[in-house]
């Protein structure tokens, strides 16, 4: 049973900050790495950040130094702290469990939550 609920998006000015939250099913969260994805209008969904069960993180180059992914195992929740936001960060943000194939990360579930809209104006 998959349960993924994203929240925390909104409209902010360039340079501002937002913190996104993703509440996941405990059974899924406890054994899986988690990732944040985003999809801008007319563009393909891209993986932004990942965090393993051990707390190791990865980021796409465009957000390094600005975004921080973290997880609260007691709450089965993964967060994405976004600072110094840019207009190009505008997208719908989604979370999912992820798995490393040895070459790249893949989302574990074809189910996607409603996502949360992040809009950054200049």
C-alpha atoms as a PDB file:
ATOM      1  CA  UNK A   1       0.000   0.000   0.000  1.00  0.00           C
ATOM      2  CA  UNK A   2       1.536   3.291  -1.160  1.00  0.00           C
ATOM      3  CA  UNK A   3       0.740   6.574   0.546  1.00  0.00           C
ATOM      4  CA  UNK A   4       2.506   9.735  -0.627  1.00  0.00           C
ATOM      5  CA  UNK A   5       1.225  13.191   0.269  1.00  0.00           C
ATOM      6  CA  UNK A   6       3.229  16.286  -0.664  1.00  0.00           C
ATOM      7  CA  UNK A   7       2.702  19.720   0.873  1.00  0.00           C
ATOM      8  CA  UNK A   8       4.416  23.041   1.522  1.00  0.00           C
ATOM      9  CA  UNK A   9       4.520  24.621  -1.917  1.00  0.00           C
ATOM     10  CA  UNK A  10       3.531  28.169  -2.702  1.00  0.00           C
ATOM     11  CA  UNK A  11       4.341  31.396  -4.497  1.00  0.00           C
ATOM     12  CA  UNK A  12       7.584  33.118  -3.522  1.00  0.00           C
ATOM     13  CA  UNK A  13       9.901  35.802  -4.841  1.00  0.00           C
ATOM     14  CA  UNK A  14      13.308  34.909  -6.239  1.00  0.00           C
ATOM     15  CA  UNK A  15      15.754  34.482  -3.372  1.00  0.00           C
ATOM     16  CA  UNK A  16      13.064  33.237  -1.021  1.00  0.00           C
ATOM     17  CA  UNK A  17      12.705  29.903   0.749  1.00  0.00           C
ATOM     18  CA  UNK A  18      10.202  27.078   1.081  1.00  0.00           C
ATOM     19  CA  UNK A  19      10.176  23.764   2.904  1.00  0.00           C
ATOM     20  CA  UNK A  20       8.337  20.887   1.278  1.00  0.00           C
ATOM     21  CA  UNK A  21       7.079  17.854   3.175  1.00  0.00           C
ATOM     22  CA  UNK A  22       6.210  14.364   1.983  1.00  0.00           C
ATOM     23  CA  UNK A  23       4.343  12.022   4.279  1.00  0.00           C
ATOM     24  CA  UNK A  24       4.857   8.400   3.279  1.00  0.00           C
ATOM     25  CA  UNK A  25       3.535   5.032   4.399  1.00  0.00           C
ATOM     26  CA  UNK A  26       5.687   3.748   7.248  1.00  0.00           C
ATOM     27  CA  UNK A  27       6.109   0.361   5.584  1.00  0.00           C
ATOM     28  CA  UNK A  28       7.525   2.032   2.483  1.00  0.00           C
ATOM     29  CA  UNK A  29       9.561   4.699   4.228  1.00  0.00           C
ATOM     30  CA  UNK A  30      11.350   2.345   6.606  1.00  0.00           C
ATOM     31  CA  UNK A  31      13.079   0.279   3.923  1.00  0.00           C
ATOM     32  CA  UNK A  32      13.507   2.655   1.003  1.00  0.00           C
ATOM     33  CA  UNK A  33      15.589   5.564  -0.072  1.00  0.00           C
ATOM     34  CA  UNK A  34      13.385   8.550  -0.886  1.00  0.00           C
ATOM     35  CA  UNK A  35      13.591  11.175  -3.577  1.00  0.00           C
ATOM     36  CA  UNK A  36      12.112  14.480  -4.629  1.00  0.00           C
ATOM     37  CA  UNK A  37      11.176  15.013  -8.268  1.00  0.00           C
ATOM     38  CA  UNK A  38       9.923  18.065 -10.088  1.00  0.00           C
ATOM     39  CA  UNK A  39       8.157  18.659 -13.362  1.00  0.00           C
ATOM     40  CA  UNK A  40       7.939  22.042 -15.036  1.00  0.00           C
ATOM     41  CA  UNK A  41       5.337  22.793 -17.717  1.00  0.00           C
ATOM     42  CA  UNK A  42       6.298  21.193 -21.014  1.00  0.00           C
ATOM     43  CA  UNK A  43       9.284  19.406 -19.503  1.00  0.00           C
ATOM     44  CA  UNK A  44      10.034  15.873 -18.378  1.00  0.00           C
ATOM     45  CA  UNK A  45       9.982  14.980 -14.698  1.00  0.00           C
ATOM     46  CA  UNK A  46      13.476  15.136 -13.196  1.00  0.00           C
ATOM     47  CA  UNK A  47      14.975  13.786 -10.001  1.00  0.00           C
ATOM     48  CA  UNK A  48      16.140  16.637  -7.783  1.00  0.00           C
ATOM     49  CA  UNK A  49      17.436  14.990  -4.612  1.00  0.00           C
ATOM     50  CA  UNK A  50      17.659  11.613  -2.880  1.00  0.00           C
ATOM     51  CA  UNK A  51      18.300  10.385   0.638  1.00  0.00           C
ATOM     52  CA  UNK A  52      19.050   6.806   1.671  1.00  0.00           C
ATOM     53  CA  UNK A  53      17.866   5.069   4.824  1.00  0.00           C
ATOM     54  CA  UNK A  54      21.341   5.794   6.198  1.00  0.00           C
ATOM     55  CA  UNK A  55      21.084   9.511   5.466  1.00  0.00           C
ATOM     56  CA  UNK A  56      23.359   9.758   2.428  1.00  0.00           C
ATOM     57  CA  UNK A  57      22.193  12.423  -0.007  1.00  0.00           C
ATOM     58  CA  UNK A  58      22.540  13.283  -3.682  1.00  0.00           C
ATOM     59  CA  UNK A  59      21.436  16.368  -5.617  1.00  0.00           C
ATOM     60  CA  UNK A  60      21.099  17.427  -9.186  1.00  0.00           C
ATOM     61  CA  UNK A  61      23.781  20.005 -10.014  1.00  0.00           C
ATOM     62  CA  UNK A  62      21.309  22.834 -10.477  1.00  0.00           C
ATOM     63  CA  UNK A  63      20.205  22.761  -6.812  1.00  0.00           C
ATOM     64  CA  UNK A  64      23.456  21.909  -5.023  1.00  0.00           C
ATOM     65  CA  UNK A  65      24.188  24.364  -2.248  1.00  0.00           C
ATOM     66  CA  UNK A  66      20.610  25.636  -2.245  1.00  0.00           C
ATOM     67  CA  UNK A  67      18.402  22.617  -1.460  1.00  0.00           C
ATOM     68  CA  UNK A  68      18.684  20.187   1.441  1.00  0.00           C
ATOM     69  CA  UNK A  69      16.855  16.872   1.658  1.00  0.00           C
ATOM     70  CA  UNK A  70      16.270  15.261   5.050  1.00  0.00           C
ATOM     71  CA  UNK A  71      14.112  12.558   6.605  1.00  0.00           C
ATOM     72  CA  UNK A  72      12.375  12.026   9.924  1.00  0.00           C
ATOM     73  CA  UNK A  73      12.059   8.281  10.420  1.00  0.00           C
ATOM     74  CA  UNK A  74       9.731   8.626  13.411  1.00  0.00           C
ATOM     75  CA  UNK A  75       7.269  10.609  11.291  1.00  0.00           C
ATOM     76  CA  UNK A  76       7.870   8.721   8.021  1.00  0.00           C
ATOM     77  CA  UNK A  77       8.345  12.115   6.407  1.00  0.00           C
ATOM     78  CA  UNK A  78      10.918  13.426   3.957  1.00  0.00           C
ATOM     79  CA  UNK A  79      11.601  17.149   3.599  1.00  0.00           C
ATOM     80  CA  UNK A  80      13.105  19.410   0.987  1.00  0.00           C
ATOM     81  CA  UNK A  81      14.396  22.715   2.298  1.00  0.00           C
ATOM     82  CA  UNK A  82      14.713  25.088  -0.655  1.00  0.00           C
ATOM     83  CA  UNK A  83      16.708  28.295  -0.245  1.00  0.00           C
ATOM     84  CA  UNK A  84      17.777  30.979  -2.701  1.00  0.00           C
ATOM     85  CA  UNK A  85      14.955  29.992  -5.016  1.00  0.00           C
ATOM     86  CA  UNK A  86      15.175  30.872  -8.692  1.00  0.00           C
ATOM     87  CA  UNK A  87      12.445  31.194 -11.332  1.00  0.00           C
ATOM     88  CA  UNK A  88      13.761  28.037 -12.989  1.00  0.00           C
ATOM     89  CA  UNK A  89      12.826  26.109  -9.836  1.00  0.00           C
ATOM     90  CA  UNK A  90       9.171  26.647 -10.710  1.00  0.00           C
ATOM     91  CA  UNK A  91       7.529  23.222 -11.042  1.00  0.00           C
ATOM     92  CA  UNK A  92       5.231  20.719  -9.426  1.00  0.00           C
ATOM     93  CA  UNK A  93       7.256  18.779  -6.866  1.00  0.00           C
ATOM     94  CA  UNK A  94       6.637  15.089  -6.131  1.00  0.00           C
ATOM     95  CA  UNK A  95       8.159  12.506  -3.830  1.00  0.00           C
ATOM     96  CA  UNK A  96       8.658   8.787  -4.340  1.00  0.00           C
ATOM     97  CA  UNK A  97      10.689   5.888  -3.064  1.00  0.00           C
ATOM     98  CA  UNK A  98      13.838   5.434  -5.151  1.00  0.00           C
ATOM     99  CA  UNK A  99      16.306   2.649  -5.798  1.00  0.00           C
ATOM    100  CA  UNK A 100      19.841   2.754  -7.160  1.00  0.00           C
ATOM    101  CA  UNK A 101      20.335   0.329 -10.041  1.00  0.00           C
ATOM    102  CA  UNK A 102      24.117   0.675  -9.997  1.00  0.00           C
ATOM    103  CA  UNK A 103      23.885   3.194 -12.837  1.00  0.00           C
ATOM    104  CA  UNK A 104      21.031   5.539 -11.941  1.00  0.00           C
ATOM    105  CA  UNK A 105      18.113   6.105  -9.594  1.00  0.00           C
ATOM    106  CA  UNK A 106      14.655   4.793 -10.432  1.00  0.00           C
ATOM    107  CA  UNK A 107      11.337   5.547  -8.810  1.00  0.00           C
ATOM    108  CA  UNK A 108      10.007   2.461  -7.068  1.00  0.00           C
ATOM    109  CA  UNK A 109       6.316   3.107  -7.539  1.00  0.00           C
ATOM    110  CA  UNK A 110       4.351   4.135 -10.590  1.00  0.00           C
ATOM    111  CA  UNK A 111       1.871   5.844  -8.312  1.00  0.00           C
ATOM    112  CA  UNK A 112       2.438   9.572  -7.880  1.00  0.00           C
ATOM    113  CA  UNK A 113       0.783  11.804  -5.332  1.00  0.00           C
ATOM    114  CA  UNK A 114      -0.915  15.087  -6.156  1.00  0.00           C
ATOM    115  CA  UNK A 115       2.374  16.961  -5.901  1.00  0.00           C
ATOM    116  CA  UNK A 116       2.804  20.477  -4.577  1.00  0.00           C
ATOM    117  CA  UNK A 117       3.178  23.559  -6.767  1.00  0.00           C
ATOM    118  CA  UNK A 118       6.219  25.787  -6.335  1.00  0.00           C
ATOM    119  CA  UNK A 119       6.163  29.082  -8.206  1.00  0.00           C
ATOM    120  CA  UNK A 120       9.102  31.486  -8.053  1.00  0.00           C
ATOM    121  CA  UNK A 121       8.669  34.967  -9.478  1.00  0.00           C
ATOM    122  CA  UNK A 122      11.389  37.451 -10.386  1.00  0.00           C
END
